Amino acid sequence: LHNDIHQDGGLLLNNPCALAVHECRLLWPGSPFQCVVSLGT
């Protein structure tokens, strides 16, 4: 894609829940977490 070569994100973060928490803290810095739901396969 453009000048980048992408592979499956599961090679690094097969459970992206911590990443999601980090992104949400930046999006809504003043809001608490009501729930964080993590689904495995």
PDB file of all heavy atoms in Angstrom:
ATOM      1  N   LEU A   1       0.859  -1.174   0.000  1.00  0.00           N
ATOM      2  CA  LEU A   1       0.000   0.000   0.000  1.00  0.00           C
ATOM      3  C   LEU A   1       0.898   1.227   0.000  1.00  0.00           C
ATOM      4  O   LEU A   1       1.604   1.483   0.976  1.00  0.00           O
ATOM      5  CB  LEU A   1      -0.904  -0.014   1.237  1.00  0.00           C
ATOM      6  CG  LEU A   1      -2.054   0.982   1.291  1.00  0.00           C
ATOM      7  CD1 LEU A   1      -2.958   0.852   0.077  1.00  0.00           C
ATOM      8  CD2 LEU A   1      -2.868   0.786   2.572  1.00  0.00           C
ATOM      9  N   HIS A   2       0.880   1.955  -1.124  1.00  0.00           N
ATOM     10  CA  HIS A   2       1.816   3.051  -1.343  1.00  0.00           C
ATOM     11  C   HIS A   2       3.247   2.495  -1.246  1.00  0.00           C
ATOM     12  O   HIS A   2       3.591   1.592  -1.977  1.00  0.00           O
ATOM     13  CB  HIS A   2       1.557   4.186  -0.349  1.00  0.00           C
ATOM     14  CG  HIS A   2       0.131   4.671  -0.364  1.00  0.00           C
ATOM     15  ND1 HIS A   2      -0.523   5.014  -1.525  1.00  0.00           N
ATOM     16  CD2 HIS A   2      -0.773   4.846   0.645  1.00  0.00           C
ATOM     17  CE1 HIS A   2      -1.761   5.390  -1.247  1.00  0.00           C
ATOM     18  NE2 HIS A   2      -1.946   5.290   0.053  1.00  0.00           N
ATOM     19  N   ASN A   3       4.048   2.969  -0.321  1.00  0.00           N
ATOM     20  CA  ASN A   3       5.423   2.470  -0.215  1.00  0.00           C
ATOM     21  C   ASN A   3       5.607   1.523   0.966  1.00  0.00           C
ATOM     22  O   ASN A   3       6.747   1.203   1.332  1.00  0.00           O
ATOM     23  CB  ASN A   3       6.405   3.642  -0.083  1.00  0.00           C
ATOM     24  CG  ASN A   3       6.424   4.522  -1.318  1.00  0.00           C
ATOM     25  OD1 ASN A   3       6.377   4.018  -2.443  1.00  0.00           O
ATOM     26  ND2 ASN A   3       6.483   5.833  -1.123  1.00  0.00           N
ATOM     27  N   ASP A   4       4.501   1.087   1.552  1.00  0.00           N
ATOM     28  CA  ASP A   4       4.570   0.239   2.739  1.00  0.00           C
ATOM     29  C   ASP A   4       4.147  -1.191   2.413  1.00  0.00           C
ATOM     30  O   ASP A   4       3.295  -1.424   1.546  1.00  0.00           O
ATOM     31  CB  ASP A   4       3.664   0.797   3.847  1.00  0.00           C
ATOM     32  CG  ASP A   4       4.033   2.223   4.225  1.00  0.00           C
ATOM     33  OD1 ASP A   4       5.230   2.551   4.170  1.00  0.00           O
ATOM     34  OD2 ASP A   4       3.116   3.004   4.565  1.00  0.00           O
ATOM     35  N   ILE A   5       4.719  -2.140   3.141  1.00  0.00           N
ATOM     36  CA  ILE A   5       4.359  -3.548   2.987  1.00  0.00           C
ATOM     37  C   ILE A   5       3.684  -3.999   4.283  1.00  0.00           C
ATOM     38  O   ILE A   5       4.295  -3.972   5.362  1.00  0.00           O
ATOM     39  CB  ILE A   5       5.599  -4.425   2.716  1.00  0.00           C
ATOM     40  CG1 ILE A   5       6.311  -3.949   1.435  1.00  0.00           C
ATOM     41  CG2 ILE A   5       5.195  -5.885   2.573  1.00  0.00           C
ATOM     42  CD1 ILE A   5       7.618  -4.671   1.158  1.00  0.00           C
ATOM     43  N   HIS A   6       2.410  -4.385   4.177  1.00  0.00           N
ATOM     44  CA  HIS A   6       1.621  -4.757   5.343  1.00  0.00           C
ATOM     45  C   HIS A   6       1.455  -6.269   5.427  1.00  0.00           C
ATOM     46  O   HIS A   6       1.263  -6.947   4.413  1.00  0.00           O
ATOM     47  CB  HIS A   6       0.229  -4.119   5.270  1.00  0.00           C
ATOM     48  CG  HIS A   6       0.232  -2.626   5.356  1.00  0.00           C
ATOM     49  ND1 HIS A   6      -0.005  -1.944   6.532  1.00  0.00           N
ATOM     50  CD2 HIS A   6       0.449  -1.678   4.408  1.00  0.00           C
ATOM     51  CE1 HIS A   6       0.053  -0.647   6.312  1.00  0.00           C
ATOM     52  NE2 HIS A   6       0.330  -0.454   5.027  1.00  0.00           N
ATOM     53  N   GLN A   7       1.510  -6.777   6.652  1.00  0.00           N
ATOM     54  CA  GLN A   7       1.167  -8.160   6.946  1.00  0.00           C
ATOM     55  C   GLN A   7       0.160  -8.179   8.091  1.00  0.00           C
ATOM     56  O   GLN A   7      -0.182  -7.140   8.667  1.00  0.00           O
ATOM     57  CB  GLN A   7       2.418  -8.967   7.291  1.00  0.00           C
ATOM     58  CG  GLN A   7       3.334  -9.208   6.101  1.00  0.00           C
ATOM     59  CD  GLN A   7       4.518 -10.100   6.429  1.00  0.00           C
ATOM     60  OE1 GLN A   7       4.687 -10.558   7.548  1.00  0.00           O
ATOM     61  NE2 GLN A   7       5.356 -10.353   5.429  1.00  0.00           N
ATOM     62  N   ASP A   8      -0.313  -9.371   8.398  1.00  0.00           N
ATOM     63  CA  ASP A   8      -1.328  -9.568   9.432  1.00  0.00           C
ATOM     64  C   ASP A   8      -0.913  -8.889  10.747  1.00  0.00           C
ATOM     65  O   ASP A   8       0.173  -9.126  11.265  1.00  0.00           O
ATOM     66  CB  ASP A   8      -1.498 -11.069   9.657  1.00  0.00           C
ATOM     67  CG  ASP A   8      -2.728 -11.412  10.479  1.00  0.00           C
ATOM     68  OD1 ASP A   8      -3.030 -10.676  11.439  1.00  0.00           O
ATOM     69  OD2 ASP A   8      -3.391 -12.409  10.160  1.00  0.00           O
ATOM     70  N   GLY A   9      -1.817  -8.044  11.278  1.00  0.00           N
ATOM     71  CA  GLY A   9      -1.529  -7.364  12.537  1.00  0.00           C
ATOM     72  C   GLY A   9      -1.374  -8.305  13.706  1.00  0.00           C
ATOM     73  O   GLY A   9      -0.789  -7.949  14.735  1.00  0.00           O
ATOM     74  N   GLY A  10      -1.877  -9.547  13.563  1.00  0.00           N
ATOM     75  CA  GLY A  10      -1.763 -10.534  14.634  1.00  0.00           C
ATOM     76  C   GLY A  10      -0.336 -10.955  14.910  1.00  0.00           C
ATOM     77  O   GLY A  10      -0.038 -11.516  15.972  1.00  0.00           O
ATOM     78  N   LEU A  11       0.580 -10.683  13.977  1.00  0.00           N
ATOM     79  CA  LEU A  11       1.986 -10.991  14.211  1.00  0.00           C
ATOM     80  C   LEU A  11       2.538 -10.203  15.383  1.00  0.00           C
ATOM     81  O   LEU A  11       3.476 -10.625  16.058  1.00  0.00           O
ATOM     82  CB  LEU A  11       2.802 -10.676  12.948  1.00  0.00           C
ATOM     83  CG  LEU A  11       2.507 -11.504  11.694  1.00  0.00           C
ATOM     84  CD1 LEU A  11       3.284 -10.956  10.519  1.00  0.00           C
ATOM     85  CD2 LEU A  11       2.849 -12.965  11.934  1.00  0.00           C
ATOM     86  N   LEU A  12       1.959  -9.015  15.630  1.00  0.00           N
ATOM     87  CA  LEU A  12       2.423  -8.154  16.718  1.00  0.00           C
ATOM     88  C   LEU A  12       1.412  -8.042  17.843  1.00  0.00           C
ATOM     89  O   LEU A  12       1.760  -8.101  19.014  1.00  0.00           O
ATOM     90  CB  LEU A  12       2.723  -6.752  16.177  1.00  0.00           C
ATOM     91  CG  LEU A  12       3.885  -6.609  15.200  1.00  0.00           C
ATOM     92  CD1 LEU A  12       3.925  -5.187  14.655  1.00  0.00           C
ATOM     93  CD2 LEU A  12       5.195  -6.944  15.883  1.00  0.00           C
ATOM     94  N   LEU A  13       0.134  -7.839  17.479  1.00  0.00           N
ATOM     95  CA  LEU A  13      -0.908  -7.552  18.473  1.00  0.00           C
ATOM     96  C   LEU A  13      -2.138  -8.379  18.153  1.00  0.00           C
ATOM     97  O   LEU A  13      -3.151  -7.848  17.684  1.00  0.00           O
ATOM     98  CB  LEU A  13      -1.254  -6.053  18.447  1.00  0.00           C
ATOM     99  CG  LEU A  13      -0.133  -5.073  18.812  1.00  0.00           C
ATOM    100  CD1 LEU A  13      -0.529  -3.650  18.437  1.00  0.00           C
ATOM    101  CD2 LEU A  13       0.168  -5.150  20.299  1.00  0.00           C
ATOM    102  N   ASN A  14      -2.065  -9.682  18.398  1.00  0.00           N
ATOM    103  CA  ASN A  14      -3.222 -10.525  18.088  1.00  0.00           C
ATOM    104  C   ASN A  14      -4.393 -10.240  19.022  1.00  0.00           C
ATOM    105  O   ASN A  14      -5.529 -10.558  18.722  1.00  0.00           O
ATOM    106  CB  ASN A  14      -2.831 -12.003  18.164  1.00  0.00           C
ATOM    107  CG  ASN A  14      -3.715 -12.854  17.264  1.00  0.00           C
ATOM    108  OD1 ASN A  14      -4.144 -12.403  16.207  1.00  0.00           O
ATOM    109  ND2 ASN A  14      -3.992 -14.078  17.688  1.00  0.00           N
ATOM    110  N   ASN A  15      -4.090  -9.646  20.176  1.00  0.00           N
ATOM    111  CA  ASN A  15      -5.117  -9.121  21.079  1.00  0.00           C
ATOM    112  C   ASN A  15      -4.892  -7.606  21.160  1.00  0.00           C
ATOM    113  O   ASN A  15      -4.010  -7.135  21.862  1.00  0.00           O
ATOM    114  CB  ASN A  15      -4.990  -9.756  22.466  1.00  0.00           C
ATOM    115  CG  ASN A  15      -6.015  -9.209  23.453  1.00  0.00           C
ATOM    116  OD1 ASN A  15      -6.682  -8.211  23.193  1.00  0.00           O
ATOM    117  ND2 ASN A  15      -6.138  -9.856  24.595  1.00  0.00           N
ATOM    118  N   PRO A  16      -5.706  -6.807  20.435  1.00  0.00           N
ATOM    119  CA  PRO A  16      -5.446  -5.366  20.353  1.00  0.00           C
ATOM    120  C   PRO A  16      -6.109  -4.547  21.458  1.00  0.00           C
ATOM    121  O   PRO A  16      -6.238  -3.327  21.327  1.00  0.00           O
ATOM    122  CB  PRO A  16      -6.052  -5.003  18.991  1.00  0.00           C
ATOM    123  CG  PRO A  16      -7.227  -5.923  18.870  1.00  0.00           C
ATOM    124  CD  PRO A  16      -6.821  -7.213  19.560  1.00  0.00           C
ATOM    125  N   CYS A  17      -6.514  -5.182  22.541  1.00  0.00           N
ATOM    126  CA  CYS A  17      -7.305  -4.486  23.565  1.00  0.00           C
ATOM    127  C   CYS A  17      -6.516  -3.350  24.234  1.00  0.00           C
ATOM    128  O   CYS A  17      -7.063  -2.263  24.464  1.00  0.00           O
ATOM    129  CB  CYS A  17      -7.796  -5.481  24.612  1.00  0.00           C
ATOM    130  SG  CYS A  17      -9.141  -4.833  25.616  1.00  0.00           S
ATOM    131  N   ALA A  18      -5.248  -3.584  24.545  1.00  0.00           N
ATOM    132  CA  ALA A  18      -4.450  -2.526  25.178  1.00  0.00           C
ATOM    133  C   ALA A  18      -4.279  -1.343  24.232  1.00  0.00           C
ATOM    134  O   ALA A  18      -4.308  -0.187  24.658  1.00  0.00           O
ATOM    135  CB  ALA A  18      -3.087  -3.081  25.596  1.00  0.00           C
ATOM    136  N   LEU A  19      -4.117  -1.626  22.946  1.00  0.00           N
ATOM    137  CA  LEU A  19      -4.038  -0.563  21.949  1.00  0.00           C
ATOM    138  C   LEU A  19      -5.334   0.238  21.926  1.00  0.00           C
ATOM    139  O   LEU A  19      -5.320   1.471  21.858  1.00  0.00           O
ATOM    140  CB  LEU A  19      -3.756  -1.175  20.571  1.00  0.00           C
ATOM    141  CG  LEU A  19      -3.733  -0.256  19.354  1.00  0.00           C
ATOM    142  CD1 LEU A  19      -2.714  -0.757  18.329  1.00  0.00           C
ATOM    143  CD2 LEU A  19      -5.101  -0.168  18.688  1.00  0.00           C
ATOM    144  N   ALA A  20      -6.477  -0.450  21.985  1.00  0.00           N
ATOM    145  CA  ALA A  20      -7.771   0.230  21.975  1.00  0.00           C
ATOM    146  C   ALA A  20      -7.935   1.143  23.185  1.00  0.00           C
ATOM    147  O   ALA A  20      -8.431   2.268  23.074  1.00  0.00           O
ATOM    148  CB  ALA A  20      -8.901  -0.804  21.940  1.00  0.00           C
ATOM    149  N   VAL A  21      -7.492   0.679  24.353  1.00  0.00           N
ATOM    150  CA  VAL A  21      -7.573   1.503  25.571  1.00  0.00           C
ATOM    151  C   VAL A  21      -6.717   2.757  25.410  1.00  0.00           C
ATOM    152  O   VAL A  21      -7.126   3.865  25.775  1.00  0.00           O
ATOM    153  CB  VAL A  21      -7.122   0.672  26.799  1.00  0.00           C
ATOM    154  CG1 VAL A  21      -6.923   1.572  28.011  1.00  0.00           C
ATOM    155  CG2 VAL A  21      -8.159  -0.408  27.102  1.00  0.00           C
ATOM    156  N   HIS A  22      -5.521   2.587  24.860  1.00  0.00           N
ATOM    157  CA  HIS A  22      -4.622   3.733  24.639  1.00  0.00           C
ATOM    158  C   HIS A  22      -5.257   4.762  23.704  1.00  0.00           C
ATOM    159  O   HIS A  22      -5.246   5.965  23.978  1.00  0.00           O
ATOM    160  CB  HIS A  22      -3.306   3.230  24.053  1.00  0.00           C
ATOM    161  CG  HIS A  22      -2.405   4.318  23.541  1.00  0.00           C
ATOM    162  ND1 HIS A  22      -1.755   5.203  24.370  1.00  0.00           N
ATOM    163  CD2 HIS A  22      -2.065   4.672  22.264  1.00  0.00           C
ATOM    164  CE1 HIS A  22      -1.040   6.045  23.640  1.00  0.00           C
ATOM    165  NE2 HIS A  22      -1.215   5.753  22.370  1.00  0.00           N
ATOM    166  N   GLU A  23      -5.842   4.303  22.590  1.00  0.00           N
ATOM    167  CA  GLU A  23      -6.463   5.213  21.628  1.00  0.00           C
ATOM    168  C   GLU A  23      -7.644   5.951  22.247  1.00  0.00           C
ATOM    169  O   GLU A  23      -7.844   7.144  21.996  1.00  0.00           O
ATOM    170  CB  GLU A  23      -6.919   4.424  20.396  1.00  0.00           C
ATOM    171  CG  GLU A  23      -5.790   3.872  19.550  1.00  0.00           C
ATOM    172  CD  GLU A  23      -5.098   4.946  18.729  1.00  0.00           C
ATOM    173  OE1 GLU A  23      -5.728   5.496  17.804  1.00  0.00           O
ATOM    174  OE2 GLU A  23      -3.921   5.249  19.017  1.00  0.00           O
ATOM    175  N   CYS A  24      -8.427   5.263  23.057  1.00  0.00           N
ATOM    176  CA  CYS A  24      -9.599   5.889  23.671  1.00  0.00           C
ATOM    177  C   CYS A  24      -9.214   6.946  24.703  1.00  0.00           C
ATOM    178  O   CYS A  24      -9.915   7.954  24.856  1.00  0.00           O
ATOM    179  CB  CYS A  24     -10.486   4.821  24.321  1.00  0.00           C
ATOM    180  SG  CYS A  24     -11.386   3.815  23.121  1.00  0.00           S
ATOM    181  N   ARG A  25      -8.135   6.737  25.405  1.00  0.00           N
ATOM    182  CA  ARG A  25      -7.683   7.747  26.377  1.00  0.00           C
ATOM    183  C   ARG A  25      -7.304   9.043  25.660  1.00  0.00           C
ATOM    184  O   ARG A  25      -7.448  10.135  26.220  1.00  0.00           O
ATOM    185  CB  ARG A  25      -6.492   7.210  27.174  1.00  0.00           C
ATOM    186  CG  ARG A  25      -6.869   6.159  28.208  1.00  0.00           C
ATOM    187  CD  ARG A  25      -5.765   5.982  29.224  1.00  0.00           C
ATOM    188  NE  ARG A  25      -6.049   4.912  30.162  1.00  0.00           N
ATOM    189  CZ  ARG A  25      -6.859   5.018  31.212  1.00  0.00           C
ATOM    190  NH1 ARG A  25      -7.484   6.165  31.430  1.00  0.00           N
ATOM    191  NH2 ARG A  25      -7.051   3.999  32.019  1.00  0.00           N
ATOM    192  N   LEU A  26      -6.805   8.934  24.423  1.00  0.00           N
ATOM    193  CA  LEU A  26      -6.471  10.119  23.653  1.00  0.00           C
ATOM    194  C   LEU A  26      -7.720  10.782  23.075  1.00  0.00           C
ATOM    195  O   LEU A  26      -7.801  12.007  22.976  1.00  0.00           O
ATOM    196  CB  LEU A  26      -5.504   9.752  22.521  1.00  0.00           C
ATOM    197  CG  LEU A  26      -4.122   9.254  22.937  1.00  0.00           C
ATOM    198  CD1 LEU A  26      -3.305   8.867  21.707  1.00  0.00           C
ATOM    199  CD2 LEU A  26      -3.376  10.317  23.731  1.00  0.00           C
ATOM    200  N   LEU A  27      -8.701   9.975  22.681  1.00  0.00           N
ATOM    201  CA  LEU A  27      -9.931  10.516  22.085  1.00  0.00           C
ATOM    202  C   LEU A  27     -10.804  11.217  23.117  1.00  0.00           C
ATOM    203  O   LEU A  27     -11.360  12.284  22.850  1.00  0.00           O
ATOM    204  CB  LEU A  27     -10.725   9.385  21.415  1.00  0.00           C
ATOM    205  CG  LEU A  27     -10.241   8.909  20.050  1.00  0.00           C
ATOM    206  CD1 LEU A  27     -10.900   7.591  19.680  1.00  0.00           C
ATOM    207  CD2 LEU A  27     -10.527   9.959  18.981  1.00  0.00           C
ATOM    208  N   TRP A  28     -10.948  10.604  24.290  1.00  0.00           N
ATOM    209  CA  TRP A  28     -11.824  11.145  25.339  1.00  0.00           C
ATOM    210  C   TRP A  28     -11.035  11.220  26.659  1.00  0.00           C
ATOM    211  O   TRP A  28     -11.285  10.435  27.593  1.00  0.00           O
ATOM    212  CB  TRP A  28     -13.058  10.268  25.516  1.00  0.00           C
ATOM    213  CG  TRP A  28     -13.902  10.161  24.283  1.00  0.00           C
ATOM    214  CD1 TRP A  28     -14.743  11.112  23.785  1.00  0.00           C
ATOM    215  CD2 TRP A  28     -14.001   9.033  23.393  1.00  0.00           C
ATOM    216  NE1 TRP A  28     -15.365  10.655  22.649  1.00  0.00           N
ATOM    217  CE2 TRP A  28     -14.925   9.388  22.377  1.00  0.00           C
ATOM    218  CE3 TRP A  28     -13.414   7.772  23.360  1.00  0.00           C
ATOM    219  CZ2 TRP A  28     -15.265   8.517  21.352  1.00  0.00           C
ATOM    220  CZ3 TRP A  28     -13.741   6.912  22.324  1.00  0.00           C
ATOM    221  CH2 TRP A  28     -14.662   7.288  21.338  1.00  0.00           C
ATOM    222  N   PRO A  29     -10.069  12.132  26.759  1.00  0.00           N
ATOM    223  CA  PRO A  29      -9.172  12.160  27.925  1.00  0.00           C
ATOM    224  C   PRO A  29      -9.872  12.401  29.256  1.00  0.00           C
ATOM    225  O   PRO A  29      -9.363  12.009  30.295  1.00  0.00           O
ATOM    226  CB  PRO A  29      -8.198  13.300  27.588  1.00  0.00           C
ATOM    227  CG  PRO A  29      -8.904  14.140  26.580  1.00  0.00           C
ATOM    228  CD  PRO A  29      -9.745  13.202  25.794  1.00  0.00           C
ATOM    229  N   GLY A  30     -11.037  13.023  29.254  1.00  0.00           N
ATOM    230  CA  GLY A  30     -11.699  13.315  30.519  1.00  0.00           C
ATOM    231  C   GLY A  30     -12.775  12.325  30.899  1.00  0.00           C
ATOM    232  O   GLY A  30     -13.433  12.490  31.937  1.00  0.00           O
ATOM    233  N   SER A  31     -12.970  11.280  30.102  1.00  0.00           N
ATOM    234  CA  SER A  31     -14.062  10.334  30.352  1.00  0.00           C
ATOM    235  C   SER A  31     -13.554   9.035  30.974  1.00  0.00           C
ATOM    236  O   SER A  31     -12.505   8.521  30.571  1.00  0.00           O
ATOM    237  CB  SER A  31     -14.790  10.012  29.045  1.00  0.00           C
ATOM    238  OG  SER A  31     -15.366  11.160  28.481  1.00  0.00           O
ATOM    239  N   PRO A  32     -14.299   8.475  31.933  1.00  0.00           N
ATOM    240  CA  PRO A  32     -13.930   7.167  32.492  1.00  0.00           C
ATOM    241  C   PRO A  32     -14.350   6.051  31.529  1.00  0.00           C
ATOM    242  O   PRO A  32     -15.095   6.291  30.573  1.00  0.00           O
ATOM    243  CB  PRO A  32     -14.752   7.105  33.778  1.00  0.00           C
ATOM    244  CG  PRO A  32     -15.978   7.897  33.450  1.00  0.00           C
ATOM    245  CD  PRO A  32     -15.527   9.018  32.550  1.00  0.00           C
ATOM    246  N   PHE A  33     -13.880   4.847  31.784  1.00  0.00           N
ATOM    247  CA  PHE A  33     -14.295   3.695  30.987  1.00  0.00           C
ATOM    248  C   PHE A  33     -15.548   3.085  31.618  1.00  0.00           C
ATOM    249  O   PHE A  33     -15.541   2.721  32.792  1.00  0.00           O
ATOM    250  CB  PHE A  33     -13.182   2.648  30.905  1.00  0.00           C
ATOM    251  CG  PHE A  33     -12.079   3.028  29.957  1.00  0.00           C
ATOM    252  CD1 PHE A  33     -10.916   3.637  30.427  1.00  0.00           C
ATOM    253  CD2 PHE A  33     -12.196   2.805  28.600  1.00  0.00           C
ATOM    254  CE1 PHE A  33      -9.904   4.006  29.562  1.00  0.00           C
ATOM    255  CE2 PHE A  33     -11.186   3.175  27.717  1.00  0.00           C
ATOM    256  CZ  PHE A  33     -10.041   3.775  28.202  1.00  0.00           C
ATOM    257  N   GLN A  34     -16.605   2.979  30.825  1.00  0.00           N
ATOM    258  CA  GLN A  34     -17.812   2.305  31.296  1.00  0.00           C
ATOM    259  C   GLN A  34     -17.633   0.791  31.205  1.00  0.00           C
ATOM    260  O   GLN A  34     -17.991   0.054  32.109  1.00  0.00           O
ATOM    261  CB  GLN A  34     -19.020   2.744  30.462  1.00  0.00           C
ATOM    262  CG  GLN A  34     -20.339   2.153  30.929  1.00  0.00           C
ATOM    263  CD  GLN A  34     -21.523   2.746  30.180  1.00  0.00           C
ATOM    264  OE1 GLN A  34     -21.417   3.825  29.584  1.00  0.00           O
ATOM    265  NE2 GLN A  34     -22.650   2.070  30.199  1.00  0.00           N
ATOM    266  N   CYS A  35     -17.086   0.324  30.080  1.00  0.00           N
ATOM    267  CA  CYS A  35     -16.734  -1.094  29.965  1.00  0.00           C
ATOM    268  C   CYS A  35     -15.717  -1.288  28.843  1.00  0.00           C
ATOM    269  O   CYS A  35     -15.709  -0.551  27.855  1.00  0.00           O
ATOM    270  CB  CYS A  35     -17.971  -1.964  29.718  1.00  0.00           C
ATOM    271  SG  CYS A  35     -18.771  -1.680  28.133  1.00  0.00           S
ATOM    272  N   VAL A  36     -14.856  -2.277  29.028  1.00  0.00           N
ATOM    273  CA  VAL A  36     -13.879  -2.682  28.020  1.00  0.00           C
ATOM    274  C   VAL A  36     -14.113  -4.169  27.776  1.00  0.00           C
ATOM    275  O   VAL A  36     -13.891  -4.995  28.664  1.00  0.00           O
ATOM    276  CB  VAL A  36     -12.432  -2.435  28.498  1.00  0.00           C
ATOM    277  CG1 VAL A  36     -11.433  -2.962  27.462  1.00  0.00           C
ATOM    278  CG2 VAL A  36     -12.200  -0.952  28.762  1.00  0.00           C
ATOM    279  N   VAL A  37     -14.583  -4.500  26.572  1.00  0.00           N
ATOM    280  CA  VAL A  37     -14.938  -5.881  26.231  1.00  0.00           C
ATOM    281  C   VAL A  37     -13.915  -6.426  25.248  1.00  0.00           C
ATOM    282  O   VAL A  37     -13.706  -5.855  24.174  1.00  0.00           O
ATOM    283  CB  VAL A  37     -16.352  -5.951  25.629  1.00  0.00           C
ATOM    284  CG1 VAL A  37     -16.726  -7.397  25.310  1.00  0.00           C
ATOM    285  CG2 VAL A  37     -17.377  -5.329  26.568  1.00  0.00           C
ATOM    286  N   SER A  38     -13.281  -7.526  25.619  1.00  0.00           N
ATOM    287  CA  SER A  38     -12.266  -8.160  24.787  1.00  0.00           C
ATOM    288  C   SER A  38     -12.750  -9.555  24.388  1.00  0.00           C
ATOM    289  O   SER A  38     -13.072 -10.377  25.246  1.00  0.00           O
ATOM    290  CB  SER A  38     -10.943  -8.263  25.564  1.00  0.00           C
ATOM    291  OG  SER A  38      -9.977  -8.966  24.817  1.00  0.00           O
ATOM    292  N   LEU A  39     -12.810  -9.811  23.072  1.00  0.00           N
ATOM    293  CA  LEU A  39     -13.308 -11.093  22.568  1.00  0.00           C
ATOM    294  C   LEU A  39     -12.184 -11.887  21.921  1.00  0.00           C
ATOM    295  O   LEU A  39     -11.531 -11.405  20.994  1.00  0.00           O
ATOM    296  CB  LEU A  39     -14.429 -10.867  21.546  1.00  0.00           C
ATOM    297  CG  LEU A  39     -15.653 -10.081  22.009  1.00  0.00           C
ATOM    298  CD1 LEU A  39     -16.695 -10.034  20.904  1.00  0.00           C
ATOM    299  CD2 LEU A  39     -16.249 -10.675  23.276  1.00  0.00           C
ATOM    300  N   GLY A  40     -11.967 -13.105  22.415  1.00  0.00           N
ATOM    301  CA  GLY A  40     -11.016 -14.015  21.803  1.00  0.00           C
ATOM    302  C   GLY A  40     -11.706 -14.869  20.757  1.00  0.00           C
ATOM    303  O   GLY A  40     -12.925 -14.806  20.578  1.00  0.00           O
ATOM    304  N   THR A  41     -10.924 -15.697  20.076  1.00  0.00           N
ATOM    305  CA  THR A  41     -11.490 -16.571  19.047  1.00  0.00           C
ATOM    306  C   THR A  41     -11.284 -18.048  19.407  1.00  0.00           C
ATOM    307  O   THR A  41     -11.171 -18.904  18.533  1.00  0.00           O
ATOM    308  CB  THR A  41     -10.855 -16.269  17.671  1.00  0.00           C
ATOM    309  OG1 THR A  41      -9.428 -16.387  17.772  1.00  0.00           O
ATOM    310  CG2 THR A  41     -11.201 -14.872  17.212  1.00  0.00           C
TER     311      THR A  41
END
